[in-house]
Amino acid sequence: MYLHIGGEEIIRKSSVIGIFDLDKTSQSHVTRGYLAAAESAGQVVSAAEDIPKSFVVTSESVGGQTVYLSQMNTVTLARRNEDGMKLD
């Protein structure tokens, strides 16, 4: 099963660690530090054509995590994650 997170980005549902609201979580210095470190390590992928509203942390990359920025809100992504998406 796959999850469409915006733009041309589709990720495996099984690799999703968490879906987070960017506005709410970026108020924490811990989250800002995590996102800055992920960006420095080249682990951030933007699926947002506009200002991102959320980010999805996945275990897709070998030996690490990938952070996807999405312009979709967390409710939409969570619904899609529950419903799933099959690619045949």
C-alpha atoms as a PDB file:
ATOM      1  CA  MET A   1       0.000   0.000   0.000  1.00  0.00           C
ATOM      2  CA  TYR A   2       1.129   3.515  -0.782  1.00  0.00           C
ATOM      3  CA  LEU A   3       0.487   7.013   0.512  1.00  0.00           C
ATOM      4  CA  HIS A   4       0.348  10.017  -1.825  1.00  0.00           C
ATOM      5  CA  ILE A   5       1.754  12.981   0.129  1.00  0.00           C
ATOM      6  CA  GLY A   6       1.526  15.646  -2.567  1.00  0.00           C
ATOM      7  CA  GLY A   7       3.226  16.628  -5.769  1.00  0.00           C
ATOM      8  CA  GLU A   8       4.687  13.537  -7.379  1.00  0.00           C
ATOM      9  CA  GLU A   9       5.665  11.890  -4.086  1.00  0.00           C
ATOM     10  CA  ILE A  10       4.253   8.488  -3.168  1.00  0.00           C
ATOM     11  CA  ILE A  11       5.677   6.562  -0.223  1.00  0.00           C
ATOM     12  CA  ARG A  12       5.115   3.112   1.238  1.00  0.00           C
ATOM     13  CA  LYS A  13       2.625   3.146   4.114  1.00  0.00           C
ATOM     14  CA  SER A  14       4.712   0.566   5.953  1.00  0.00           C
ATOM     15  CA  SER A  15       7.646   3.003   6.097  1.00  0.00           C
ATOM     16  CA  VAL A  16       5.693   5.841   7.772  1.00  0.00           C
ATOM     17  CA  ILE A  17       6.945   6.536  11.286  1.00  0.00           C
ATOM     18  CA  GLY A  18       4.861   9.646  11.895  1.00  0.00           C
ATOM     19  CA  ILE A  19       2.840  12.478  10.369  1.00  0.00           C
ATOM     20  CA  PHE A  20       3.323  15.859  12.056  1.00  0.00           C
ATOM     21  CA  ASP A  21       1.774  19.327  11.815  1.00  0.00           C
ATOM     22  CA  LEU A  22       4.596  21.690  10.912  1.00  0.00           C
ATOM     23  CA  ASP A  23       3.095  24.767  12.596  1.00  0.00           C
ATOM     24  CA  LYS A  24       2.484  23.059  15.928  1.00  0.00           C
ATOM     25  CA  THR A  25       5.650  20.992  16.159  1.00  0.00           C
ATOM     26  CA  SER A  26       8.086  23.627  14.891  1.00  0.00           C
ATOM     27  CA  GLN A  27       7.418  25.678  18.017  1.00  0.00           C
ATOM     28  CA  SER A  28       9.641  23.216  19.888  1.00  0.00           C
ATOM     29  CA  HIS A  29      13.387  23.764  19.715  1.00  0.00           C
ATOM     30  CA  VAL A  30      13.811  19.972  19.687  1.00  0.00           C
ATOM     31  CA  THR A  31      11.752  19.621  16.491  1.00  0.00           C
ATOM     32  CA  ARG A  32      13.496  22.579  14.857  1.00  0.00           C
ATOM     33  CA  GLY A  33      16.835  20.958  15.700  1.00  0.00           C
ATOM     34  CA  TYR A  34      15.717  17.606  14.300  1.00  0.00           C
ATOM     35  CA  LEU A  35      14.524  19.171  11.037  1.00  0.00           C
ATOM     36  CA  ALA A  36      17.726  21.232  10.726  1.00  0.00           C
ATOM     37  CA  ALA A  37      19.859  18.113  11.263  1.00  0.00           C
ATOM     38  CA  ALA A  38      17.799  16.145   8.721  1.00  0.00           C
ATOM     39  CA  GLU A  39      18.203  18.983   6.219  1.00  0.00           C
ATOM     40  CA  SER A  40      21.971  19.097   6.787  1.00  0.00           C
ATOM     41  CA  ALA A  41      22.171  15.326   6.275  1.00  0.00           C
ATOM     42  CA  GLY A  42      20.252  15.573   2.999  1.00  0.00           C
ATOM     43  CA  GLN A  43      17.305  13.610   4.385  1.00  0.00           C
ATOM     44  CA  VAL A  44      14.608  16.197   3.605  1.00  0.00           C
ATOM     45  CA  VAL A  45      12.514  15.907   0.443  1.00  0.00           C
ATOM     46  CA  SER A  46       9.997  18.587  -0.470  1.00  0.00           C
ATOM     47  CA  ALA A  47       6.708  17.366  -1.913  1.00  0.00           C
ATOM     48  CA  ALA A  48       5.208  20.831  -1.413  1.00  0.00           C
ATOM     49  CA  GLU A  49       4.655  23.218  -4.286  1.00  0.00           C
ATOM     50  CA  ASP A  50       3.661  25.893  -1.782  1.00  0.00           C
ATOM     51  CA  ILE A  51       4.353  26.504   1.912  1.00  0.00           C
ATOM     52  CA  PRO A  52       4.474  23.112   3.677  1.00  0.00           C
ATOM     53  CA  LYS A  53       1.845  22.379   6.333  1.00  0.00           C
ATOM     54  CA  SER A  54       3.119  19.026   7.535  1.00  0.00           C
ATOM     55  CA  PHE A  55       6.014  16.633   7.455  1.00  0.00           C
ATOM     56  CA  VAL A  56       6.135  12.851   7.248  1.00  0.00           C
ATOM     57  CA  VAL A  57       9.008  10.891   8.768  1.00  0.00           C
ATOM     58  CA  THR A  58       9.742   7.574   7.080  1.00  0.00           C
ATOM     59  CA  SER A  59      12.235   4.759   7.410  1.00  0.00           C
ATOM     60  CA  GLU A  60      12.601   4.444   3.638  1.00  0.00           C
ATOM     61  CA  SER A  61      16.279   5.222   3.329  1.00  0.00           C
ATOM     62  CA  VAL A  62      18.804   2.518   4.186  1.00  0.00           C
ATOM     63  CA  GLY A  63      20.257   3.140   7.624  1.00  0.00           C
ATOM     64  CA  GLY A  64      18.285   6.305   8.260  1.00  0.00           C
ATOM     65  CA  GLN A  65      15.128   8.283   7.956  1.00  0.00           C
ATOM     66  CA  THR A  66      13.679  10.517   5.274  1.00  0.00           C
ATOM     67  CA  VAL A  67      11.580  13.581   6.079  1.00  0.00           C
ATOM     68  CA  TYR A  68       9.018  14.603   3.464  1.00  0.00           C
ATOM     69  CA  LEU A  69       7.564  18.116   3.561  1.00  0.00           C
ATOM     70  CA  SER A  70       3.966  18.220   2.365  1.00  0.00           C
ATOM     71  CA  GLN A  71       1.514  21.029   1.686  1.00  0.00           C
ATOM     72  CA  MET A  72      -1.327  18.739   2.792  1.00  0.00           C
ATOM     73  CA  ASN A  73      -2.602  18.982   6.324  1.00  0.00           C
ATOM     74  CA  THR A  74      -2.158  16.151   8.800  1.00  0.00           C
ATOM     75  CA  VAL A  75      -5.848  15.186   8.794  1.00  0.00           C
ATOM     76  CA  THR A  76      -5.798  14.580   5.032  1.00  0.00           C
ATOM     77  CA  LEU A  77      -2.581  12.574   5.232  1.00  0.00           C
ATOM     78  CA  ALA A  78      -3.844  10.534   8.183  1.00  0.00           C
ATOM     79  CA  ARG A  79      -7.058   9.689   6.303  1.00  0.00           C
ATOM     80  CA  ARG A  80      -5.086   8.665   3.255  1.00  0.00           C
ATOM     81  CA  ASN A  81      -2.802   6.576   5.433  1.00  0.00           C
ATOM     82  CA  GLU A  82      -5.810   4.752   6.918  1.00  0.00           C
ATOM     83  CA  ASP A  83      -7.559   4.241   3.576  1.00  0.00           C
ATOM     84  CA  GLY A  84      -4.477   3.292   1.628  1.00  0.00           C
ATOM     85  CA  MET A  85      -3.750   3.486  -2.047  1.00  0.00           C
ATOM     86  CA  LYS A  86      -3.054   0.555  -4.331  1.00  0.00           C
ATOM     87  CA  LEU A  87      -0.905   0.905  -7.407  1.00  0.00           C
ATOM     88  CA  ASP A  88      -1.482  -1.835  -9.956  1.00  0.00           C
END
